[in-house]
Amino acid sequence: MKKLLETMRRLRAPDGCPWDREQTHESLRPYLLEEAAEAVDALATADPMIMADELGDVLLQVAFHAVVAEEAGTFGYEHIEASIVGKLVRRHPHIFEGVQVTGADEVKRNWDRIKREERGGTELSPADRVPRGLPALMRAAELGKKLGWEPGGAEAVVRALEPTQPTLTEEAVGELLLAVVDYARAAGVDPELALRRAADARAGL
């Protein structure tokens, strides 16, 4: 990590790369999403070299944000590392504090409880627990699961295909997509993965 940070600092230096120097936390947001998605694709290949390469691109995004923040004096890589290490230690008392657990389910319950305590006991709403940065289909499916939306069947999709206006509006298309997501969820199908695979198949990938 030290070498990566040194490389990023060189790229961000006054005589460094013009493109790298003008990036901000905000401008880098789409790249973090893109690199994370490519890493997910790489994991599906089970090819160690491709996996390592794409995970490296995700790590680059962490280093990039760390150096941008370091320059602004807000935080640095050491804060990122300390934050995640502290979180892992706190949320694994069965490893670091000798707490006894009966299995993975209890580990998950303890994790959630400790997470709540870290927020001062504040319970996030189900909707707030779903990241806004998720791809739209994945976010809709997670919202439906956490908010208990009644999953519709094929008839809900058909109804959504009957717009009340002469042309499909953005709202009507949104309702159609939500109906499809609910239908997929009811069938136990991940709509994000299903659409990815269908698009890849049509593209001959």
N, C-alpha and C. Protein backbone atom coordinates (compact mmCIF):
# COMPACT_ATOMS: atom_id res chain seq x y z
N MET A 1 0.83 -1.20 0.00
CA MET A 1 0.00 0.00 0.00
C MET A 1 0.87 1.25 0.00
N LYS A 2 2.01 1.19 0.69
CA LYS A 2 2.91 2.34 0.75
C LYS A 2 3.35 2.76 -0.65
N LYS A 3 3.71 1.77 -1.49
CA LYS A 3 4.15 2.07 -2.85
C LYS A 3 3.03 2.69 -3.67
N LEU A 4 1.80 2.18 -3.50
CA LEU A 4 0.65 2.71 -4.23
C LEU A 4 0.39 4.16 -3.82
N LEU A 5 0.44 4.45 -2.54
CA LEU A 5 0.22 5.81 -2.07
C LEU A 5 1.31 6.75 -2.60
N GLU A 6 2.55 6.29 -2.61
CA GLU A 6 3.65 7.11 -3.15
C GLU A 6 3.42 7.41 -4.63
N THR A 7 2.94 6.42 -5.36
CA THR A 7 2.66 6.60 -6.79
C THR A 7 1.55 7.62 -6.99
N MET A 8 0.49 7.52 -6.19
CA MET A 8 -0.62 8.47 -6.31
C MET A 8 -0.18 9.89 -5.95
N ARG A 9 0.67 10.01 -4.95
CA ARG A 9 1.17 11.35 -4.57
C ARG A 9 1.99 11.94 -5.71
N ARG A 10 2.74 11.10 -6.39
CA ARG A 10 3.54 11.59 -7.54
C ARG A 10 2.62 12.04 -8.67
N LEU A 11 1.55 11.27 -8.91
CA LEU A 11 0.61 11.63 -9.97
C LEU A 11 -0.14 12.92 -9.65
N ARG A 12 -0.36 13.18 -8.36
CA ARG A 12 -1.10 14.37 -7.93
C ARG A 12 -0.19 15.58 -7.68
N ALA A 13 1.11 15.39 -7.83
CA ALA A 13 2.07 16.48 -7.58
C ALA A 13 1.87 17.61 -8.59
N PRO A 14 2.38 18.82 -8.28
CA PRO A 14 2.23 19.95 -9.21
C PRO A 14 2.70 19.65 -10.63
N ASP A 15 3.75 18.83 -10.75
CA ASP A 15 4.24 18.47 -12.09
C ASP A 15 3.78 17.07 -12.49
N GLY A 16 2.68 16.60 -11.85
CA GLY A 16 2.17 15.26 -12.13
C GLY A 16 1.21 15.23 -13.30
N CYS A 17 0.34 14.23 -13.29
CA CYS A 17 -0.61 14.02 -14.40
C CYS A 17 -1.75 15.04 -14.32
N PRO A 18 -2.00 15.80 -15.41
CA PRO A 18 -3.08 16.81 -15.38
C PRO A 18 -4.44 16.22 -15.03
N TRP A 19 -4.74 15.02 -15.56
CA TRP A 19 -6.05 14.41 -15.29
C TRP A 19 -6.16 14.03 -13.82
N ASP A 20 -5.14 13.35 -13.31
CA ASP A 20 -5.18 12.92 -11.91
C ASP A 20 -5.26 14.11 -10.96
N ARG A 21 -4.57 15.20 -11.30
CA ARG A 21 -4.52 16.36 -10.42
C ARG A 21 -5.87 17.06 -10.29
N GLU A 22 -6.72 16.96 -11.33
CA GLU A 22 -7.98 17.70 -11.27
C GLU A 22 -9.14 16.89 -10.67
N GLN A 23 -8.87 15.64 -10.29
CA GLN A 23 -9.95 14.81 -9.74
C GLN A 23 -10.28 15.20 -8.30
N THR A 24 -11.55 15.00 -7.94
CA THR A 24 -12.05 15.27 -6.60
C THR A 24 -12.81 14.04 -6.10
N HIS A 25 -13.19 14.06 -4.82
CA HIS A 25 -14.02 12.97 -4.30
C HIS A 25 -15.26 12.81 -5.16
N GLU A 26 -15.88 13.93 -5.51
CA GLU A 26 -17.13 13.89 -6.29
C GLU A 26 -16.90 13.33 -7.69
N SER A 27 -15.85 13.80 -8.37
CA SER A 27 -15.62 13.35 -9.75
C SER A 27 -15.22 11.88 -9.81
N LEU A 28 -14.70 11.36 -8.71
CA LEU A 28 -14.25 9.96 -8.69
C LEU A 28 -15.38 8.97 -8.37
N ARG A 29 -16.54 9.48 -7.95
CA ARG A 29 -17.64 8.58 -7.56
C ARG A 29 -17.99 7.54 -8.63
N PRO A 30 -18.20 7.94 -9.89
CA PRO A 30 -18.57 6.92 -10.88
C PRO A 30 -17.48 5.88 -11.11
N TYR A 31 -16.22 6.27 -10.93
CA TYR A 31 -15.13 5.31 -11.14
C TYR A 31 -15.11 4.25 -10.05
N LEU A 32 -15.44 4.65 -8.82
CA LEU A 32 -15.49 3.67 -7.73
C LEU A 32 -16.59 2.64 -8.00
N LEU A 33 -17.75 3.12 -8.45
CA LEU A 33 -18.84 2.20 -8.78
C LEU A 33 -18.44 1.28 -9.93
N GLU A 34 -17.83 1.86 -10.96
CA GLU A 34 -17.44 1.07 -12.13
C GLU A 34 -16.40 0.02 -11.78
N GLU A 35 -15.38 0.42 -11.01
CA GLU A 35 -14.33 -0.53 -10.66
C GLU A 35 -14.86 -1.63 -9.75
N ALA A 36 -15.77 -1.28 -8.84
CA ALA A 36 -16.37 -2.30 -7.97
C ALA A 36 -17.16 -3.31 -8.81
N ALA A 37 -17.91 -2.80 -9.80
CA ALA A 37 -18.69 -3.69 -10.67
C ALA A 37 -17.77 -4.60 -11.48
N GLU A 38 -16.66 -4.05 -11.97
CA GLU A 38 -15.73 -4.87 -12.75
C GLU A 38 -15.07 -5.92 -11.86
N ALA A 39 -14.84 -5.57 -10.59
CA ALA A 39 -14.28 -6.56 -9.67
C ALA A 39 -15.27 -7.69 -9.42
N VAL A 40 -16.55 -7.35 -9.31
CA VAL A 40 -17.59 -8.37 -9.14
C VAL A 40 -17.60 -9.30 -10.35
N ASP A 41 -17.51 -8.74 -11.55
CA ASP A 41 -17.45 -9.56 -12.76
C ASP A 41 -16.22 -10.46 -12.74
N ALA A 42 -15.10 -9.91 -12.29
CA ALA A 42 -13.86 -10.69 -12.26
C ALA A 42 -13.96 -11.87 -11.31
N LEU A 43 -14.62 -11.66 -10.16
CA LEU A 43 -14.77 -12.75 -9.20
C LEU A 43 -15.57 -13.90 -9.79
N ALA A 44 -16.49 -13.57 -10.70
CA ALA A 44 -17.30 -14.61 -11.34
C ALA A 44 -16.49 -15.46 -12.32
N THR A 45 -15.34 -14.93 -12.79
CA THR A 45 -14.53 -15.70 -13.74
C THR A 45 -13.71 -16.78 -13.05
N ALA A 46 -13.45 -16.59 -11.75
CA ALA A 46 -12.60 -17.51 -10.98
C ALA A 46 -11.18 -17.56 -11.52
N ASP A 47 -10.81 -16.57 -12.35
CA ASP A 47 -9.45 -16.48 -12.87
C ASP A 47 -8.62 -15.64 -11.89
N PRO A 48 -7.64 -16.24 -11.23
CA PRO A 48 -6.89 -15.52 -10.19
C PRO A 48 -6.24 -14.23 -10.68
N MET A 49 -5.69 -14.24 -11.89
CA MET A 49 -4.99 -13.06 -12.39
C MET A 49 -5.96 -11.92 -12.69
N ILE A 50 -7.12 -12.26 -13.27
CA ILE A 50 -8.13 -11.24 -13.55
C ILE A 50 -8.68 -10.69 -12.24
N MET A 51 -8.92 -11.57 -11.28
CA MET A 51 -9.42 -11.14 -9.98
C MET A 51 -8.43 -10.18 -9.31
N ALA A 52 -7.15 -10.55 -9.32
CA ALA A 52 -6.13 -9.71 -8.69
C ALA A 52 -6.05 -8.35 -9.38
N ASP A 53 -6.13 -8.35 -10.70
CA ASP A 53 -6.03 -7.11 -11.46
C ASP A 53 -7.19 -6.17 -11.13
N GLU A 54 -8.41 -6.70 -11.13
CA GLU A 54 -9.58 -5.85 -10.89
C GLU A 54 -9.69 -5.40 -9.43
N LEU A 55 -9.29 -6.27 -8.50
CA LEU A 55 -9.27 -5.86 -7.10
C LEU A 55 -8.23 -4.75 -6.89
N GLY A 56 -7.15 -4.80 -7.68
CA GLY A 56 -6.15 -3.73 -7.63
C GLY A 56 -6.75 -2.41 -8.05
N ASP A 57 -7.64 -2.44 -9.05
CA ASP A 57 -8.29 -1.20 -9.49
C ASP A 57 -9.19 -0.62 -8.40
N VAL A 58 -9.83 -1.51 -7.62
CA VAL A 58 -10.65 -1.04 -6.49
C VAL A 58 -9.74 -0.41 -5.43
N LEU A 59 -8.60 -1.06 -5.17
CA LEU A 59 -7.66 -0.53 -4.19
C LEU A 59 -7.11 0.83 -4.63
N LEU A 60 -6.94 1.00 -5.94
CA LEU A 60 -6.50 2.29 -6.47
C LEU A 60 -7.48 3.39 -6.09
N GLN A 61 -8.77 3.10 -6.14
CA GLN A 61 -9.77 4.11 -5.79
C GLN A 61 -9.64 4.51 -4.32
N VAL A 62 -9.36 3.54 -3.45
CA VAL A 62 -9.15 3.84 -2.03
C VAL A 62 -7.94 4.76 -1.87
N ALA A 63 -6.85 4.42 -2.56
CA ALA A 63 -5.63 5.23 -2.47
C ALA A 63 -5.87 6.63 -3.03
N PHE A 64 -6.61 6.71 -4.13
CA PHE A 64 -6.90 8.00 -4.77
C PHE A 64 -7.64 8.91 -3.79
N HIS A 65 -8.70 8.40 -3.18
CA HIS A 65 -9.47 9.20 -2.22
C HIS A 65 -8.62 9.56 -1.00
N ALA A 66 -7.75 8.64 -0.58
CA ALA A 66 -6.90 8.91 0.58
C ALA A 66 -5.96 10.08 0.30
N VAL A 67 -5.38 10.11 -0.89
CA VAL A 67 -4.44 11.18 -1.23
C VAL A 67 -5.16 12.50 -1.45
N VAL A 68 -6.34 12.46 -2.07
CA VAL A 68 -7.14 13.69 -2.22
C VAL A 68 -7.46 14.27 -0.84
N ALA A 69 -7.86 13.43 0.09
CA ALA A 69 -8.20 13.88 1.44
C ALA A 69 -6.95 14.35 2.20
N GLU A 70 -5.86 13.65 1.99
CA GLU A 70 -4.58 14.02 2.62
C GLU A 70 -4.18 15.44 2.22
N GLU A 71 -4.34 15.75 0.95
CA GLU A 71 -4.01 17.10 0.45
C GLU A 71 -4.91 18.16 1.08
N ALA A 72 -6.17 17.79 1.31
CA ALA A 72 -7.13 18.73 1.91
C ALA A 72 -6.98 18.81 3.42
N GLY A 73 -6.20 17.90 4.00
CA GLY A 73 -6.01 17.89 5.44
C GLY A 73 -7.20 17.36 6.21
N THR A 74 -8.03 16.56 5.55
CA THR A 74 -9.23 16.04 6.23
C THR A 74 -9.01 14.65 6.82
N PHE A 75 -8.35 13.77 6.09
CA PHE A 75 -7.97 12.47 6.62
C PHE A 75 -6.91 11.88 5.68
N GLY A 76 -6.37 10.75 6.05
CA GLY A 76 -5.37 10.09 5.22
C GLY A 76 -5.59 8.59 5.23
N TYR A 77 -4.73 7.88 4.53
CA TYR A 77 -4.90 6.42 4.47
C TYR A 77 -4.87 5.79 5.85
N GLU A 78 -4.03 6.34 6.74
CA GLU A 78 -3.93 5.75 8.08
C GLU A 78 -5.26 5.81 8.82
N HIS A 79 -6.07 6.84 8.53
CA HIS A 79 -7.39 6.94 9.15
C HIS A 79 -8.34 5.89 8.58
N ILE A 80 -8.24 5.65 7.28
CA ILE A 80 -9.07 4.63 6.64
C ILE A 80 -8.76 3.26 7.23
N GLU A 81 -7.47 2.97 7.31
CA GLU A 81 -7.04 1.67 7.85
C GLU A 81 -7.43 1.51 9.31
N ALA A 82 -7.19 2.55 10.11
CA ALA A 82 -7.52 2.48 11.53
C ALA A 82 -9.01 2.31 11.74
N SER A 83 -9.81 2.96 10.90
CA SER A 83 -11.26 2.87 11.02
C SER A 83 -11.76 1.45 10.78
N ILE A 84 -11.28 0.82 9.71
CA ILE A 84 -11.78 -0.51 9.39
C ILE A 84 -11.22 -1.57 10.34
N VAL A 85 -9.97 -1.41 10.77
CA VAL A 85 -9.41 -2.37 11.72
C VAL A 85 -10.15 -2.27 13.05
N GLY A 86 -10.39 -1.04 13.52
CA GLY A 86 -11.13 -0.86 14.76
C GLY A 86 -12.52 -1.45 14.68
N LYS A 87 -13.17 -1.24 13.53
CA LYS A 87 -14.52 -1.77 13.35
C LYS A 87 -14.52 -3.30 13.39
N LEU A 88 -13.56 -3.92 12.72
CA LEU A 88 -13.49 -5.38 12.70
C LEU A 88 -13.24 -5.94 14.10
N VAL A 89 -12.37 -5.29 14.85
CA VAL A 89 -12.09 -5.76 16.21
C VAL A 89 -13.32 -5.61 17.09
N ARG A 90 -13.98 -4.43 17.04
CA ARG A 90 -15.16 -4.20 17.88
C ARG A 90 -16.29 -5.18 17.56
N ARG A 91 -16.47 -5.47 16.27
CA ARG A 91 -17.61 -6.28 15.86
C ARG A 91 -17.34 -7.78 15.85
N HIS A 92 -16.15 -8.16 16.29
CA HIS A 92 -15.83 -9.59 16.43
C HIS A 92 -15.38 -9.88 17.87
N PRO A 93 -16.25 -9.59 18.85
CA PRO A 93 -15.85 -9.84 20.25
C PRO A 93 -15.61 -11.32 20.52
N HIS A 94 -16.19 -12.20 19.71
CA HIS A 94 -15.98 -13.63 19.90
C HIS A 94 -14.55 -14.03 19.50
N ILE A 95 -13.86 -13.16 18.79
CA ILE A 95 -12.47 -13.43 18.42
C ILE A 95 -11.51 -12.67 19.34
N PHE A 96 -11.81 -11.41 19.59
CA PHE A 96 -10.86 -10.55 20.30
C PHE A 96 -11.16 -10.34 21.78
N GLU A 97 -12.35 -10.74 22.23
CA GLU A 97 -12.69 -10.53 23.64
C GLU A 97 -13.16 -11.80 24.34
N GLY A 98 -13.09 -12.92 23.65
CA GLY A 98 -13.46 -14.18 24.28
C GLY A 98 -14.94 -14.42 24.45
N VAL A 99 -15.79 -13.63 23.78
CA VAL A 99 -17.24 -13.83 23.85
C VAL A 99 -17.59 -15.14 23.16
N GLN A 100 -18.48 -15.92 23.78
CA GLN A 100 -18.87 -17.22 23.21
C GLN A 100 -20.07 -17.03 22.27
N VAL A 101 -20.02 -17.65 21.11
CA VAL A 101 -21.14 -17.62 20.17
C VAL A 101 -21.47 -19.04 19.73
N THR A 102 -22.71 -19.23 19.32
CA THR A 102 -23.15 -20.57 18.92
C THR A 102 -23.03 -20.81 17.43
N GLY A 103 -22.81 -19.76 16.64
CA GLY A 103 -22.69 -19.93 15.20
C GLY A 103 -22.79 -18.62 14.46
N ALA A 104 -22.86 -18.71 13.13
CA ALA A 104 -22.85 -17.52 12.27
C ALA A 104 -24.05 -16.61 12.52
N ASP A 105 -25.21 -17.18 12.85
CA ASP A 105 -26.40 -16.36 13.09
C ASP A 105 -26.20 -15.43 14.28
N GLU A 106 -25.59 -15.96 15.33
CA GLU A 106 -25.36 -15.14 16.51
C GLU A 106 -24.29 -14.09 16.23
N VAL A 107 -23.30 -14.44 15.42
CA VAL A 107 -22.28 -13.48 15.01
C VAL A 107 -22.94 -12.30 14.30
N LYS A 108 -23.89 -12.61 13.39
CA LYS A 108 -24.59 -11.56 12.65
C LYS A 108 -25.42 -10.68 13.59
N ARG A 109 -26.11 -11.30 14.57
CA ARG A 109 -26.90 -10.53 15.53
C ARG A 109 -26.01 -9.61 16.36
N ASN A 110 -24.87 -10.14 16.80
CA ASN A 110 -23.94 -9.32 17.58
C ASN A 110 -23.41 -8.16 16.75
N TRP A 111 -23.09 -8.44 15.48
CA TRP A 111 -22.60 -7.40 14.56
C TRP A 111 -23.63 -6.27 14.46
N ASP A 112 -24.89 -6.63 14.25
CA ASP A 112 -25.95 -5.62 14.11
C ASP A 112 -26.13 -4.82 15.41
N ARG A 113 -26.08 -5.52 16.55
CA ARG A 113 -26.24 -4.85 17.84
C ARG A 113 -25.10 -3.86 18.08
N ILE A 114 -23.88 -4.30 17.83
CA ILE A 114 -22.71 -3.43 18.04
C ILE A 114 -22.76 -2.24 17.09
N LYS A 115 -23.21 -2.48 15.88
CA LYS A 115 -23.34 -1.39 14.91
C LYS A 115 -24.33 -0.34 15.40
N ARG A 116 -25.45 -0.80 15.98
CA ARG A 116 -26.44 0.12 16.55
C ARG A 116 -25.83 0.92 17.69
N GLU A 117 -25.09 0.24 18.55
CA GLU A 117 -24.47 0.91 19.70
C GLU A 117 -23.47 1.97 19.24
N GLU A 118 -22.78 1.69 18.14
CA GLU A 118 -21.82 2.66 17.60
C GLU A 118 -22.52 3.93 17.14
N ARG A 119 -23.78 3.80 16.75
CA ARG A 119 -24.57 4.97 16.32
C ARG A 119 -25.32 5.58 17.50
N GLY A 120 -24.95 5.21 18.71
CA GLY A 120 -25.62 5.75 19.88
C GLY A 120 -26.98 5.14 20.11
N GLY A 121 -27.19 3.93 19.63
CA GLY A 121 -28.46 3.25 19.81
C GLY A 121 -29.50 3.64 18.79
N THR A 122 -29.14 4.54 17.88
CA THR A 122 -30.09 4.97 16.85
C THR A 122 -30.31 3.86 15.83
N GLU A 123 -31.56 3.56 15.58
CA GLU A 123 -31.91 2.52 14.61
C GLU A 123 -32.22 3.18 13.27
N LEU A 124 -31.45 2.83 12.25
CA LEU A 124 -31.74 3.36 10.93
C LEU A 124 -33.04 2.75 10.41
N SER A 125 -33.77 3.53 9.62
CA SER A 125 -34.97 2.99 9.00
C SER A 125 -34.56 1.94 7.99
N PRO A 126 -35.44 0.99 7.66
CA PRO A 126 -35.09 -0.03 6.66
C PRO A 126 -34.61 0.59 5.35
N ALA A 127 -35.26 1.67 4.92
CA ALA A 127 -34.88 2.31 3.65
C ALA A 127 -33.49 2.91 3.74
N ASP A 128 -33.15 3.49 4.90
CA ASP A 128 -31.84 4.12 5.07
C ASP A 128 -30.71 3.10 5.10
N ARG A 129 -31.06 1.83 5.33
CA ARG A 129 -30.03 0.79 5.35
C ARG A 129 -29.66 0.31 3.96
N VAL A 130 -30.35 0.82 2.95
CA VAL A 130 -30.05 0.44 1.56
C VAL A 130 -29.27 1.58 0.91
N PRO A 131 -28.00 1.35 0.54
CA PRO A 131 -27.18 2.43 -0.03
C PRO A 131 -27.79 3.00 -1.32
N ARG A 132 -27.80 4.32 -1.41
CA ARG A 132 -28.32 4.98 -2.60
C ARG A 132 -27.42 4.77 -3.81
N GLY A 133 -26.16 4.41 -3.56
CA GLY A 133 -25.23 4.23 -4.66
C GLY A 133 -25.33 2.88 -5.36
N LEU A 134 -26.21 1.99 -4.86
CA LEU A 134 -26.37 0.70 -5.52
C LEU A 134 -26.96 0.88 -6.91
N PRO A 135 -26.65 -0.04 -7.84
CA PRO A 135 -27.34 -0.01 -9.13
C PRO A 135 -28.86 -0.04 -8.90
N ALA A 136 -29.60 0.63 -9.77
CA ALA A 136 -31.04 0.85 -9.53
C ALA A 136 -31.83 -0.44 -9.32
N LEU A 137 -31.59 -1.47 -10.12
CA LEU A 137 -32.34 -2.71 -9.97
C LEU A 137 -32.03 -3.38 -8.63
N MET A 138 -30.75 -3.39 -8.28
CA MET A 138 -30.35 -4.00 -7.01
C MET A 138 -30.95 -3.23 -5.84
N ARG A 139 -30.94 -1.88 -5.93
CA ARG A 139 -31.49 -1.06 -4.85
C ARG A 139 -32.99 -1.28 -4.72
N ALA A 140 -33.70 -1.35 -5.85
CA ALA A 140 -35.14 -1.58 -5.81
C ALA A 140 -35.45 -2.92 -5.16
N ALA A 141 -34.67 -3.95 -5.49
CA ALA A 141 -34.90 -5.27 -4.91
C ALA A 141 -34.65 -5.25 -3.40
N GLU A 142 -33.58 -4.57 -2.97
CA GLU A 142 -33.27 -4.49 -1.54
C GLU A 142 -34.31 -3.68 -0.78
N LEU A 143 -34.78 -2.58 -1.39
CA LEU A 143 -35.83 -1.79 -0.75
C LEU A 143 -37.10 -2.62 -0.59
N GLY A 144 -37.44 -3.37 -1.64
CA GLY A 144 -38.63 -4.20 -1.58
C GLY A 144 -38.53 -5.24 -0.48
N LYS A 145 -37.35 -5.83 -0.32
CA LYS A 145 -37.14 -6.84 0.71
C LYS A 145 -37.23 -6.22 2.10
N LYS A 146 -36.53 -5.10 2.30
CA LYS A 146 -36.47 -4.50 3.63
C LYS A 146 -37.77 -3.79 4.03
N LEU A 147 -38.50 -3.27 3.05
CA LEU A 147 -39.75 -2.57 3.36
C LEU A 147 -40.97 -3.48 3.27
N GLY A 148 -40.73 -4.74 2.88
CA GLY A 148 -41.83 -5.70 2.84
C GLY A 148 -42.84 -5.42 1.75
N TRP A 149 -42.39 -4.90 0.61
CA TRP A 149 -43.32 -4.70 -0.50
C TRP A 149 -43.90 -6.04 -0.92
N GLU A 150 -45.18 -6.05 -1.15
CA GLU A 150 -45.82 -7.27 -1.62
C GLU A 150 -45.35 -7.56 -3.04
N PRO A 151 -44.69 -8.69 -3.24
CA PRO A 151 -44.23 -9.00 -4.60
C PRO A 151 -45.40 -9.33 -5.51
N GLY A 152 -45.43 -8.67 -6.66
CA GLY A 152 -46.49 -8.94 -7.63
C GLY A 152 -46.12 -10.11 -8.53
N GLY A 153 -47.08 -10.59 -9.27
CA GLY A 153 -46.83 -11.66 -10.23
C GLY A 153 -46.75 -11.08 -11.63
N ALA A 154 -46.86 -11.97 -12.60
CA ALA A 154 -46.77 -11.54 -13.99
C ALA A 154 -47.87 -10.55 -14.33
N GLU A 155 -49.03 -10.67 -13.66
CA GLU A 155 -50.14 -9.76 -13.97
C GLU A 155 -49.79 -8.31 -13.63
N ALA A 156 -48.96 -8.11 -12.60
CA ALA A 156 -48.53 -6.76 -12.24
C ALA A 156 -47.66 -6.17 -13.33
N VAL A 157 -46.83 -7.01 -13.92
CA VAL A 157 -45.98 -6.55 -15.02
C VAL A 157 -46.83 -6.17 -16.22
N VAL A 158 -47.84 -7.02 -16.50
CA VAL A 158 -48.73 -6.74 -17.64
C VAL A 158 -49.48 -5.43 -17.41
N ARG A 159 -49.98 -5.21 -16.19
CA ARG A 159 -50.69 -3.96 -15.89
C ARG A 159 -49.78 -2.75 -16.10
N ALA A 160 -48.51 -2.90 -15.70
CA ALA A 160 -47.57 -1.79 -15.84
C ALA A 160 -47.26 -1.50 -17.30
N LEU A 161 -47.52 -2.48 -18.16
CA LEU A 161 -47.29 -2.29 -19.59
C LEU A 161 -48.45 -1.57 -20.27
N GLU A 162 -49.48 -1.24 -19.51
CA GLU A 162 -50.64 -0.57 -20.08
C GLU A 162 -50.65 0.89 -19.64
N PRO A 163 -49.85 1.73 -20.29
CA PRO A 163 -49.78 3.14 -19.88
C PRO A 163 -51.10 3.85 -20.11
N THR A 164 -51.36 4.79 -19.24
CA THR A 164 -52.60 5.56 -19.37
C THR A 164 -52.42 6.73 -20.33
N GLN A 165 -51.20 6.98 -20.75
CA GLN A 165 -50.93 8.06 -21.68
C GLN A 165 -50.52 7.47 -23.02
N PRO A 166 -50.62 8.25 -24.09
CA PRO A 166 -50.29 7.74 -25.42
C PRO A 166 -48.88 7.19 -25.54
N THR A 167 -47.94 7.80 -24.83
CA THR A 167 -46.56 7.31 -24.88
C THR A 167 -46.10 6.99 -23.46
N LEU A 168 -45.14 6.09 -23.38
CA LEU A 168 -44.60 5.73 -22.07
C LEU A 168 -43.85 6.91 -21.47
N THR A 169 -44.24 7.28 -20.28
CA THR A 169 -43.54 8.36 -19.57
C THR A 169 -42.45 7.75 -18.70
N GLU A 170 -41.58 8.61 -18.16
CA GLU A 170 -40.54 8.13 -17.26
C GLU A 170 -41.17 7.45 -16.05
N GLU A 171 -42.26 8.02 -15.54
CA GLU A 171 -42.94 7.44 -14.38
C GLU A 171 -43.49 6.05 -14.70
N ALA A 172 -44.08 5.92 -15.91
CA ALA A 172 -44.66 4.63 -16.30
C ALA A 172 -43.56 3.57 -16.47
N VAL A 173 -42.45 3.98 -17.06
CA VAL A 173 -41.33 3.05 -17.23
C VAL A 173 -40.79 2.64 -15.86
N GLY A 174 -40.71 3.61 -14.93
CA GLY A 174 -40.25 3.30 -13.59
C GLY A 174 -41.15 2.29 -12.90
N GLU A 175 -42.48 2.47 -13.04
CA GLU A 175 -43.43 1.53 -12.44
C GLU A 175 -43.29 0.15 -13.07
N LEU A 176 -43.05 0.11 -14.38
CA LEU A 176 -42.86 -1.16 -15.07
C LEU A 176 -41.63 -1.89 -14.53
N LEU A 177 -40.54 -1.14 -14.39
CA LEU A 177 -39.32 -1.76 -13.89
C LEU A 177 -39.49 -2.25 -12.45
N LEU A 178 -40.20 -1.47 -11.63
CA LEU A 178 -40.46 -1.91 -10.25
C LEU A 178 -41.30 -3.18 -10.24
N ALA A 179 -42.28 -3.25 -11.14
CA ALA A 179 -43.12 -4.45 -11.21
C ALA A 179 -42.28 -5.67 -11.59
N VAL A 180 -41.35 -5.47 -12.53
CA VAL A 180 -40.47 -6.57 -12.95
C VAL A 180 -39.57 -7.00 -11.80
N VAL A 181 -39.03 -6.01 -11.06
CA VAL A 181 -38.17 -6.33 -9.92
C VAL A 181 -38.95 -7.12 -8.87
N ASP A 182 -40.18 -6.69 -8.57
CA ASP A 182 -41.00 -7.41 -7.59
C ASP A 182 -41.31 -8.83 -8.07
N TYR A 183 -41.59 -8.95 -9.36
CA TYR A 183 -41.88 -10.27 -9.94
C TYR A 183 -40.66 -11.18 -9.81
N ALA A 184 -39.47 -10.63 -10.11
CA ALA A 184 -38.24 -11.41 -10.00
C ALA A 184 -38.00 -11.82 -8.56
N ARG A 185 -38.22 -10.89 -7.63
CA ARG A 185 -38.00 -11.17 -6.21
C ARG A 185 -38.92 -12.28 -5.73
N ALA A 186 -40.17 -12.25 -6.18
CA ALA A 186 -41.13 -13.29 -5.81
C ALA A 186 -40.70 -14.65 -6.32
N ALA A 187 -40.00 -14.65 -7.46
CA ALA A 187 -39.55 -15.90 -8.07
C ALA A 187 -38.18 -16.33 -7.54
N GLY A 188 -37.60 -15.54 -6.63
CA GLY A 188 -36.29 -15.87 -6.09
C GLY A 188 -35.15 -15.61 -7.05
N VAL A 189 -35.38 -14.68 -7.98
CA VAL A 189 -34.37 -14.35 -8.99
C VAL A 189 -33.78 -12.97 -8.68
N ASP A 190 -32.46 -12.85 -8.71
CA ASP A 190 -31.80 -11.57 -8.52
C ASP A 190 -31.94 -10.78 -9.82
N PRO A 191 -32.73 -9.69 -9.84
CA PRO A 191 -32.98 -8.97 -11.10
C PRO A 191 -31.72 -8.34 -11.67
N GLU A 192 -30.80 -7.92 -10.81
CA GLU A 192 -29.55 -7.31 -11.29
C GLU A 192 -28.74 -8.32 -12.09
N LEU A 193 -28.54 -9.50 -11.50
CA LEU A 193 -27.77 -10.54 -12.18
C LEU A 193 -28.50 -11.04 -13.42
N ALA A 194 -29.83 -11.16 -13.33
CA ALA A 194 -30.60 -11.64 -14.48
C ALA A 194 -30.46 -10.69 -15.67
N LEU A 195 -30.55 -9.37 -15.40
CA LEU A 195 -30.42 -8.40 -16.49
C LEU A 195 -29.00 -8.39 -17.04
N ARG A 196 -27.99 -8.49 -16.17
CA ARG A 196 -26.61 -8.53 -16.63
C ARG A 196 -26.38 -9.71 -17.58
N ARG A 197 -26.89 -10.87 -17.16
CA ARG A 197 -26.65 -12.08 -17.96
C ARG A 197 -27.41 -12.03 -19.29
N ALA A 198 -28.63 -11.48 -19.24
CA ALA A 198 -29.42 -11.36 -20.48
C ALA A 198 -28.75 -10.38 -21.45
N ALA A 199 -28.24 -9.26 -20.91
CA ALA A 199 -27.57 -8.27 -21.77
C ALA A 199 -26.30 -8.86 -22.36
N ASP A 200 -25.55 -9.60 -21.53
CA ASP A 200 -24.32 -10.24 -22.03
C ASP A 200 -24.65 -11.26 -23.12
N ALA A 201 -25.73 -12.03 -22.91
CA ALA A 201 -26.12 -13.05 -23.89
C ALA A 201 -26.50 -12.40 -25.21
N ARG A 202 -27.27 -11.30 -25.15
CA ARG A 202 -27.69 -10.63 -26.37
C ARG A 202 -26.50 -10.01 -27.10
N ALA A 203 -25.51 -9.56 -26.30
CA ALA A 203 -24.32 -8.94 -26.90
C ALA A 203 -23.29 -9.98 -27.35
N GLY A 204 -23.59 -11.26 -27.08
CA GLY A 204 -22.67 -12.32 -27.47
C GLY A 204 -21.41 -12.39 -26.62
N LEU A 205 -21.53 -11.94 -25.35
CA LEU A 205 -20.36 -11.93 -24.47
C LEU A 205 -20.29 -13.19 -23.62
